[in-house]
Amino acid sequence: MGRIIFKSEEVEKKLHEIFSFCHENRIDLTIESIELSSYEIRRQEDFDLKQFLQQEHFDMEIYITDDSEIRIGLQRVFEDEEVTFGYFYEAMNTALVGEVVENKQFLSPRFFLVYVDCDLNVLEKLDEQEYSINQLWGDTEIDVSIAQGLTSFGIRLSLDGNYDKYYPPVVSEDTFIQIKTNRDLDLRIFEDIVQSYIFELQSAFSLNLQRVTRITGLEYYDDDDRTDSPKRTQKMRPLLNGKG
């Protein structure tokens, strides 16, 4: 019989925080084959996670790190989202300190998401490294990229109850410009970075991102409508800080 092994005490502590968060907000949580949101667990008022994790009744040993894949099931979302343990921990904590503004953007002191519409056919032909930028903006280190699916935006919508059976808090096609910084920034600076990033994506890859209010209904398309084309070799330049 196997047991759960954590890479470090810090990872184990994170799991306890994730479990409490998901349990309190009725979010389904599965790690490997362990369903930590099952009905049997939820109905046990005295359920002890630490004791449960110390048992040796699993089919095999399960090694948990920040890179371990977990499944998250938000209310009214049709399919569980598969993300890494570390990613969800960060997104969860960011959601707790930020807010969704007018269903267009998520704002926190060091993290910004802008909901956008774009040609997904063009986007999927690019490697993440091609559209990701790490640089200094003034004296601030910034990471700018594109995120899809489960983000702090959707988690915050779920926490706020801003969803129903027709309009789930997350769909896989949700697309965002994502900005991370190493210090607090105000909204004006975030906006300047977004505008510069949109310009560079258009220049480098002819990828036109348009800021829109989040479309909450599901839209389906025929895969046969997609056309294949070779990947581009164009690279993005550093973002320009100031007037062009």
C-alpha atoms as a PDB file:
ATOM      1  CA  MET A   1       0.000   0.000   0.000  1.00  0.00           C
ATOM      2  CA  GLY A   2       1.159   3.531  -0.704  1.00  0.00           C
ATOM      3  CA  ARG A   3       1.102   6.860   1.024  1.00  0.00           C
ATOM      4  CA  ILE A   4       1.360  10.552   0.166  1.00  0.00           C
ATOM      5  CA  ILE A   5       4.844  12.069   0.222  1.00  0.00           C
ATOM      6  CA  PHE A   6       5.364  15.833   0.066  1.00  0.00           C
ATOM      7  CA  LYS A   7       8.470  17.437  -1.404  1.00  0.00           C
ATOM      8  CA  SER A   8       8.633  19.761   1.598  1.00  0.00           C
ATOM      9  CA  GLU A   9       6.694  20.939   4.626  1.00  0.00           C
ATOM     10  CA  GLU A  10       5.862  24.071   2.659  1.00  0.00           C
ATOM     11  CA  VAL A  11       4.079  22.022  -0.027  1.00  0.00           C
ATOM     12  CA  GLU A  12       2.131  20.156   2.651  1.00  0.00           C
ATOM     13  CA  LYS A  13       1.114  23.471   4.219  1.00  0.00           C
ATOM     14  CA  LYS A  14      -0.051  24.707   0.822  1.00  0.00           C
ATOM     15  CA  LEU A  15      -2.255  21.633   0.402  1.00  0.00           C
ATOM     16  CA  HIS A  16      -3.964  22.334   3.713  1.00  0.00           C
ATOM     17  CA  GLU A  17      -4.652  25.907   2.579  1.00  0.00           C
ATOM     18  CA  ILE A  18      -5.958  24.770  -0.804  1.00  0.00           C
ATOM     19  CA  PHE A  19      -8.145  22.131   0.808  1.00  0.00           C
ATOM     20  CA  SER A  20      -9.675  24.629   3.249  1.00  0.00           C
ATOM     21  CA  PHE A  21     -10.287  27.136   0.449  1.00  0.00           C
ATOM     22  CA  CYS A  22     -11.937  24.571  -1.815  1.00  0.00           C
ATOM     23  CA  HIS A  23     -13.974  23.044   1.014  1.00  0.00           C
ATOM     24  CA  GLU A  24     -15.313  26.436   2.131  1.00  0.00           C
ATOM     25  CA  ASN A  25     -16.220  27.485  -1.415  1.00  0.00           C
ATOM     26  CA  ARG A  26     -17.583  24.128  -2.643  1.00  0.00           C
ATOM     27  CA  ILE A  27     -14.843  23.715  -5.232  1.00  0.00           C
ATOM     28  CA  ASP A  28     -14.003  20.180  -6.321  1.00  0.00           C
ATOM     29  CA  LEU A  29     -10.371  19.230  -5.739  1.00  0.00           C
ATOM     30  CA  THR A  30      -8.616  16.117  -7.026  1.00  0.00           C
ATOM     31  CA  ILE A  31      -4.910  15.321  -6.655  1.00  0.00           C
ATOM     32  CA  GLU A  32      -3.815  12.314  -8.657  1.00  0.00           C
ATOM     33  CA  SER A  33      -6.686   9.900  -7.971  1.00  0.00           C
ATOM     34  CA  ILE A  34      -7.525  11.346  -4.551  1.00  0.00           C
ATOM     35  CA  GLU A  35     -10.835  13.194  -4.534  1.00  0.00           C
ATOM     36  CA  LEU A  36     -10.597  15.630  -1.658  1.00  0.00           C
ATOM     37  CA  SER A  37     -14.056  17.029  -2.313  1.00  0.00           C
ATOM     38  CA  SER A  38     -16.015  13.790  -2.317  1.00  0.00           C
ATOM     39  CA  TYR A  39     -19.393  13.549  -0.634  1.00  0.00           C
ATOM     40  CA  GLU A  40     -17.953  11.208   1.964  1.00  0.00           C
ATOM     41  CA  ILE A  41     -15.406  13.835   3.027  1.00  0.00           C
ATOM     42  CA  ARG A  42     -17.801  16.777   2.919  1.00  0.00           C
ATOM     43  CA  ARG A  43     -20.325  15.104   5.218  1.00  0.00           C
ATOM     44  CA  GLN A  44     -17.697  14.431   7.902  1.00  0.00           C
ATOM     45  CA  GLU A  45     -17.787  17.437  10.191  1.00  0.00           C
ATOM     46  CA  ASP A  46     -14.741  16.174  12.080  1.00  0.00           C
ATOM     47  CA  PHE A  47     -12.737  15.248   8.978  1.00  0.00           C
ATOM     48  CA  ASP A  48      -8.997  15.568   9.725  1.00  0.00           C
ATOM     49  CA  LEU A  49      -6.985  16.149   6.538  1.00  0.00           C
ATOM     50  CA  LYS A  50      -3.627  15.615   8.232  1.00  0.00           C
ATOM     51  CA  GLN A  51      -4.728  12.249   9.577  1.00  0.00           C
ATOM     52  CA  PHE A  52      -6.191  11.296   6.188  1.00  0.00           C
ATOM     53  CA  LEU A  53      -2.931  12.122   4.404  1.00  0.00           C
ATOM     54  CA  GLN A  54      -0.878  10.041   6.832  1.00  0.00           C
ATOM     55  CA  GLN A  55      -2.781   6.869   6.044  1.00  0.00           C
ATOM     56  CA  GLU A  56      -1.156   4.223   3.893  1.00  0.00           C
ATOM     57  CA  HIS A  57      -4.177   2.939   2.051  1.00  0.00           C
ATOM     58  CA  PHE A  58      -3.482   4.353  -1.424  1.00  0.00           C
ATOM     59  CA  ASP A  59      -2.748   2.142  -4.422  1.00  0.00           C
ATOM     60  CA  MET A  60       0.749   3.594  -4.772  1.00  0.00           C
ATOM     61  CA  GLU A  61       2.999   6.224  -3.301  1.00  0.00           C
ATOM     62  CA  ILE A  62       1.985   9.717  -4.419  1.00  0.00           C
ATOM     63  CA  TYR A  63       4.710  12.384  -4.539  1.00  0.00           C
ATOM     64  CA  ILE A  64       3.359  15.938  -4.405  1.00  0.00           C
ATOM     65  CA  THR A  65       5.339  18.984  -5.543  1.00  0.00           C
ATOM     66  CA  ASP A  66       4.447  22.421  -6.900  1.00  0.00           C
ATOM     67  CA  ASP A  67       4.525  20.836 -10.365  1.00  0.00           C
ATOM     68  CA  SER A  68       2.006  18.091  -9.536  1.00  0.00           C
ATOM     69  CA  GLU A  69      -1.155  18.252 -11.628  1.00  0.00           C
ATOM     70  CA  ILE A  70      -4.462  18.762  -9.878  1.00  0.00           C
ATOM     71  CA  ARG A  71      -8.049  19.034 -11.109  1.00  0.00           C
ATOM     72  CA  ILE A  72     -10.224  21.939 -10.040  1.00  0.00           C
ATOM     73  CA  GLY A  73     -13.996  21.943 -10.489  1.00  0.00           C
ATOM     74  CA  LEU A  74     -15.673  25.310  -9.950  1.00  0.00           C
ATOM     75  CA  GLN A  75     -19.437  25.513  -9.575  1.00  0.00           C
ATOM     76  CA  ARG A  76     -21.313  25.426 -12.928  1.00  0.00           C
ATOM     77  CA  VAL A  77     -18.124  24.735 -14.901  1.00  0.00           C
ATOM     78  CA  PHE A  78     -18.745  21.806 -17.248  1.00  0.00           C
ATOM     79  CA  GLU A  79     -15.253  20.299 -17.172  1.00  0.00           C
ATOM     80  CA  ASP A  80     -12.610  20.283 -14.455  1.00  0.00           C
ATOM     81  CA  GLU A  81      -9.593  22.461 -15.140  1.00  0.00           C
ATOM     82  CA  GLU A  82      -6.215  20.713 -14.958  1.00  0.00           C
ATOM     83  CA  VAL A  83      -3.456  22.948 -13.604  1.00  0.00           C
ATOM     84  CA  THR A  84      -0.331  22.538 -11.516  1.00  0.00           C
ATOM     85  CA  PHE A  85      -0.495  22.573  -7.756  1.00  0.00           C
ATOM     86  CA  GLY A  86       1.741  25.645  -7.531  1.00  0.00           C
ATOM     87  CA  TYR A  87      -0.211  27.541 -10.198  1.00  0.00           C
ATOM     88  CA  PHE A  88      -3.514  27.083  -8.409  1.00  0.00           C
ATOM     89  CA  TYR A  89      -2.053  28.052  -5.049  1.00  0.00           C
ATOM     90  CA  GLU A  90      -0.804  31.335  -6.523  1.00  0.00           C
ATOM     91  CA  ALA A  91      -4.024  31.999  -8.469  1.00  0.00           C
ATOM     92  CA  MET A  92      -6.126  31.250  -5.377  1.00  0.00           C
ATOM     93  CA  ASN A  93      -4.232  33.690  -3.164  1.00  0.00           C
ATOM     94  CA  THR A  94      -4.184  36.358  -5.854  1.00  0.00           C
ATOM     95  CA  ALA A  95      -7.959  36.033  -6.272  1.00  0.00           C
ATOM     96  CA  LEU A  96      -8.421  36.645  -2.558  1.00  0.00           C
ATOM     97  CA  VAL A  97      -6.696  40.058  -2.669  1.00  0.00           C
ATOM     98  CA  GLY A  98      -7.980  41.330  -6.017  1.00  0.00           C
ATOM     99  CA  GLU A  99     -11.239  42.243  -7.718  1.00  0.00           C
ATOM    100  CA  VAL A 100     -12.953  41.831 -11.077  1.00  0.00           C
ATOM    101  CA  VAL A 101     -13.857  45.210 -12.543  1.00  0.00           C
ATOM    102  CA  GLU A 102     -16.852  45.420 -14.901  1.00  0.00           C
ATOM    103  CA  ASN A 103     -16.187  41.865 -16.149  1.00  0.00           C
ATOM    104  CA  LYS A 104     -13.308  43.316 -18.145  1.00  0.00           C
ATOM    105  CA  GLN A 105     -10.259  43.019 -15.922  1.00  0.00           C
ATOM    106  CA  PHE A 106      -8.903  41.629 -12.687  1.00  0.00           C
ATOM    107  CA  LEU A 107      -6.824  44.009 -10.599  1.00  0.00           C
ATOM    108  CA  SER A 108      -4.544  43.447  -7.614  1.00  0.00           C
ATOM    109  CA  PRO A 109      -1.437  45.391  -6.545  1.00  0.00           C
ATOM    110  CA  ARG A 110       1.068  43.162  -8.392  1.00  0.00           C
ATOM    111  CA  PHE A 111      -1.099  41.235 -10.825  1.00  0.00           C
ATOM    112  CA  PHE A 112      -3.334  42.375 -13.660  1.00  0.00           C
ATOM    113  CA  LEU A 113      -5.547  40.441 -16.075  1.00  0.00           C
ATOM    114  CA  VAL A 114      -7.325  41.979 -19.044  1.00  0.00           C
ATOM    115  CA  TYR A 115      -9.996  39.966 -20.839  1.00  0.00           C
ATOM    116  CA  VAL A 116      -9.405  39.996 -24.594  1.00  0.00           C
ATOM    117  CA  ASP A 117     -10.748  38.596 -27.819  1.00  0.00           C
ATOM    118  CA  CYS A 118      -8.356  37.383 -30.503  1.00  0.00           C
ATOM    119  CA  ASP A 119      -7.940  34.917 -33.352  1.00  0.00           C
ATOM    120  CA  LEU A 120      -7.338  31.661 -31.479  1.00  0.00           C
ATOM    121  CA  ASN A 121      -6.128  30.033 -34.698  1.00  0.00           C
ATOM    122  CA  VAL A 122      -3.199  32.460 -34.790  1.00  0.00           C
ATOM    123  CA  LEU A 123      -2.535  32.252 -31.056  1.00  0.00           C
ATOM    124  CA  GLU A 124      -2.331  28.465 -30.918  1.00  0.00           C
ATOM    125  CA  LYS A 125       0.395  28.439 -33.577  1.00  0.00           C
ATOM    126  CA  LEU A 126       2.686  30.477 -31.332  1.00  0.00           C
ATOM    127  CA  ASP A 127       4.889  29.058 -28.604  1.00  0.00           C
ATOM    128  CA  GLU A 128       4.451  30.587 -25.166  1.00  0.00           C
ATOM    129  CA  GLN A 129       8.056  31.813 -25.223  1.00  0.00           C
ATOM    130  CA  GLU A 130       7.285  33.852 -28.331  1.00  0.00           C
ATOM    131  CA  TYR A 131       4.590  35.997 -26.739  1.00  0.00           C
ATOM    132  CA  SER A 132       6.001  36.121 -23.197  1.00  0.00           C
ATOM    133  CA  ILE A 133       8.105  39.108 -22.141  1.00  0.00           C
ATOM    134  CA  ASN A 134      10.240  39.649 -19.059  1.00  0.00           C
ATOM    135  CA  GLN A 135      11.836  43.063 -18.790  1.00  0.00           C
ATOM    136  CA  LEU A 136      12.200  46.224 -16.746  1.00  0.00           C
ATOM    137  CA  TRP A 137       9.499  48.863 -17.010  1.00  0.00           C
ATOM    138  CA  GLY A 138      11.201  51.829 -15.471  1.00  0.00           C
ATOM    139  CA  ASP A 139      12.572  50.321 -12.265  1.00  0.00           C
ATOM    140  CA  THR A 140       9.909  47.592 -12.075  1.00  0.00           C
ATOM    141  CA  GLU A 141      10.403  44.028 -13.274  1.00  0.00           C
ATOM    142  CA  ILE A 142       7.415  42.861 -15.297  1.00  0.00           C
ATOM    143  CA  ASP A 143       6.321  39.532 -16.774  1.00  0.00           C
ATOM    144  CA  VAL A 144       3.753  39.874 -19.548  1.00  0.00           C
ATOM    145  CA  SER A 145       2.084  36.961 -21.298  1.00  0.00           C
ATOM    146  CA  ILE A 146      -1.236  35.473 -22.397  1.00  0.00           C
ATOM    147  CA  ALA A 147      -3.236  33.244 -20.070  1.00  0.00           C
ATOM    148  CA  GLN A 148      -6.237  31.070 -20.848  1.00  0.00           C
ATOM    149  CA  GLY A 149      -8.812  29.056 -18.940  1.00  0.00           C
ATOM    150  CA  LEU A 150      -8.621  29.018 -15.145  1.00  0.00           C
ATOM    151  CA  THR A 151      -7.148  32.230 -13.715  1.00  0.00           C
ATOM    152  CA  SER A 152      -7.658  34.482 -10.710  1.00  0.00           C
ATOM    153  CA  PHE A 153     -10.345  36.216 -12.802  1.00  0.00           C
ATOM    154  CA  GLY A 154     -12.553  33.108 -12.910  1.00  0.00           C
ATOM    155  CA  ILE A 155     -11.827  32.165  -9.300  1.00  0.00           C
ATOM    156  CA  ARG A 156     -12.881  35.660  -8.196  1.00  0.00           C
ATOM    157  CA  LEU A 157     -16.086  35.403 -10.258  1.00  0.00           C
ATOM    158  CA  SER A 158     -16.800  32.123  -8.496  1.00  0.00           C
ATOM    159  CA  LEU A 159     -16.173  33.619  -5.046  1.00  0.00           C
ATOM    160  CA  ASP A 160     -18.434  36.571  -5.866  1.00  0.00           C
ATOM    161  CA  GLY A 161     -21.211  34.272  -7.115  1.00  0.00           C
ATOM    162  CA  ASN A 162     -21.121  36.009 -10.481  1.00  0.00           C
ATOM    163  CA  TYR A 163     -22.223  32.991 -12.528  1.00  0.00           C
ATOM    164  CA  ASP A 164     -25.156  30.684 -13.205  1.00  0.00           C
ATOM    165  CA  LYS A 165     -25.771  27.514 -15.204  1.00  0.00           C
ATOM    166  CA  TYR A 166     -25.710  29.443 -18.485  1.00  0.00           C
ATOM    167  CA  TYR A 167     -22.752  31.656 -17.620  1.00  0.00           C
ATOM    168  CA  PRO A 168     -20.025  29.664 -15.801  1.00  0.00           C
ATOM    169  CA  PRO A 169     -17.113  31.473 -14.143  1.00  0.00           C
ATOM    170  CA  VAL A 170     -14.549  29.762 -16.399  1.00  0.00           C
ATOM    171  CA  VAL A 171     -14.478  28.398 -19.928  1.00  0.00           C
ATOM    172  CA  SER A 172     -11.354  27.078 -21.609  1.00  0.00           C
ATOM    173  CA  GLU A 173     -11.478  29.777 -24.313  1.00  0.00           C
ATOM    174  CA  ASP A 174     -11.232  32.620 -21.788  1.00  0.00           C
ATOM    175  CA  THR A 175      -8.167  34.599 -22.890  1.00  0.00           C
ATOM    176  CA  PHE A 176      -6.311  37.298 -20.962  1.00  0.00           C
ATOM    177  CA  ILE A 177      -3.303  39.546 -21.107  1.00  0.00           C
ATOM    178  CA  GLN A 178      -1.515  38.742 -17.865  1.00  0.00           C
ATOM    179  CA  ILE A 179       0.935  41.045 -16.097  1.00  0.00           C
ATOM    180  CA  LYS A 180       2.994  40.155 -13.007  1.00  0.00           C
ATOM    181  CA  THR A 181       5.263  42.660 -11.277  1.00  0.00           C
ATOM    182  CA  ASN A 182       7.771  42.620  -8.426  1.00  0.00           C
ATOM    183  CA  ARG A 183       6.229  45.644  -6.713  1.00  0.00           C
ATOM    184  CA  ASP A 184       2.874  47.401  -6.406  1.00  0.00           C
ATOM    185  CA  LEU A 185       1.730  49.366  -9.459  1.00  0.00           C
ATOM    186  CA  ASP A 186      -1.265  51.588  -9.987  1.00  0.00           C
ATOM    187  CA  LEU A 187      -3.836  51.020 -12.703  1.00  0.00           C
ATOM    188  CA  ARG A 188      -2.450  53.716 -14.997  1.00  0.00           C
ATOM    189  CA  ILE A 189       0.906  51.958 -15.328  1.00  0.00           C
ATOM    190  CA  PHE A 190      -0.752  48.585 -15.891  1.00  0.00           C
ATOM    191  CA  GLU A 191      -2.792  50.188 -18.680  1.00  0.00           C
ATOM    192  CA  ASP A 192       0.342  51.580 -20.339  1.00  0.00           C
ATOM    193  CA  ILE A 193       1.932  48.110 -20.324  1.00  0.00           C
ATOM    194  CA  VAL A 194      -1.197  46.551 -21.836  1.00  0.00           C
ATOM    195  CA  GLN A 195      -1.309  49.056 -24.693  1.00  0.00           C
ATOM    196  CA  SER A 196       2.371  48.537 -25.483  1.00  0.00           C
ATOM    197  CA  TYR A 197       1.974  44.745 -25.398  1.00  0.00           C
ATOM    198  CA  ILE A 198      -1.045  44.813 -27.734  1.00  0.00           C
ATOM    199  CA  PHE A 199       0.924  46.946 -30.189  1.00  0.00           C
ATOM    200  CA  GLU A 200       3.934  44.598 -30.159  1.00  0.00           C
ATOM    201  CA  LEU A 201       1.804  41.473 -30.665  1.00  0.00           C
ATOM    202  CA  GLN A 202       0.206  43.072 -33.693  1.00  0.00           C
ATOM    203  CA  SER A 203       3.575  44.147 -35.087  1.00  0.00           C
ATOM    204  CA  ALA A 204       5.385  40.849 -34.516  1.00  0.00           C
ATOM    205  CA  PHE A 205       2.704  38.252 -35.229  1.00  0.00           C
ATOM    206  CA  SER A 206      -0.276  40.086 -36.760  1.00  0.00           C
ATOM    207  CA  LEU A 207      -2.152  38.936 -33.654  1.00  0.00           C
ATOM    208  CA  ASN A 208      -4.862  41.473 -32.976  1.00  0.00           C
ATOM    209  CA  LEU A 209      -6.019  41.518 -29.353  1.00  0.00           C
ATOM    210  CA  GLN A 210      -9.148  43.484 -28.568  1.00  0.00           C
ATOM    211  CA  ARG A 211     -10.226  44.375 -25.060  1.00  0.00           C
ATOM    212  CA  VAL A 212     -13.821  43.305 -24.514  1.00  0.00           C
ATOM    213  CA  THR A 213     -16.283  42.634 -21.739  1.00  0.00           C
ATOM    214  CA  ARG A 214     -16.133  38.945 -20.898  1.00  0.00           C
ATOM    215  CA  ILE A 215     -18.450  36.821 -23.022  1.00  0.00           C
ATOM    216  CA  THR A 216     -19.991  34.437 -20.513  1.00  0.00           C
ATOM    217  CA  GLY A 217     -21.868  32.147 -22.918  1.00  0.00           C
ATOM    218  CA  LEU A 218     -20.185  29.154 -24.509  1.00  0.00           C
ATOM    219  CA  GLU A 219     -19.347  29.443 -28.184  1.00  0.00           C
ATOM    220  CA  TYR A 220     -18.617  26.388 -30.291  1.00  0.00           C
ATOM    221  CA  TYR A 221     -16.779  26.242 -33.564  1.00  0.00           C
ATOM    222  CA  ASP A 222     -15.965  23.539 -36.084  1.00  0.00           C
ATOM    223  CA  ASP A 223     -12.377  22.308 -35.995  1.00  0.00           C
ATOM    224  CA  ASP A 224     -12.634  21.789 -39.757  1.00  0.00           C
ATOM    225  CA  ASP A 225     -12.822  25.563 -40.159  1.00  0.00           C
ATOM    226  CA  ARG A 226      -9.250  25.885 -38.964  1.00  0.00           C
ATOM    227  CA  THR A 227      -6.440  26.174 -41.472  1.00  0.00           C
ATOM    228  CA  ASP A 228      -2.922  25.038 -40.749  1.00  0.00           C
ATOM    229  CA  SER A 229       0.031  27.308 -41.390  1.00  0.00           C
ATOM    230  CA  PRO A 230       3.708  27.109 -40.417  1.00  0.00           C
ATOM    231  CA  LYS A 231       4.866  28.654 -37.129  1.00  0.00           C
ATOM    232  CA  ARG A 232       6.343  32.117 -37.364  1.00  0.00           C
ATOM    233  CA  THR A 233       9.966  32.842 -36.572  1.00  0.00           C
ATOM    234  CA  GLN A 234       9.359  36.524 -35.787  1.00  0.00           C
ATOM    235  CA  LYS A 235      10.272  37.642 -32.258  1.00  0.00           C
ATOM    236  CA  MET A 236       8.769  40.378 -30.139  1.00  0.00           C
ATOM    237  CA  ARG A 237      10.798  43.448 -29.255  1.00  0.00           C
ATOM    238  CA  PRO A 238      10.971  44.829 -25.703  1.00  0.00           C
ATOM    239  CA  LEU A 239       7.906  46.885 -24.812  1.00  0.00           C
ATOM    240  CA  LEU A 240       8.278  50.642 -25.277  1.00  0.00           C
ATOM    241  CA  ASN A 241       7.840  52.715 -22.151  1.00  0.00           C
ATOM    242  CA  GLY A 242       6.642  56.106 -23.262  1.00  0.00           C
ATOM    243  CA  LYS A 243       5.256  57.721 -26.370  1.00  0.00           C
ATOM    244  CA  GLY A 244       5.986  55.938 -29.632  1.00  0.00           C
END
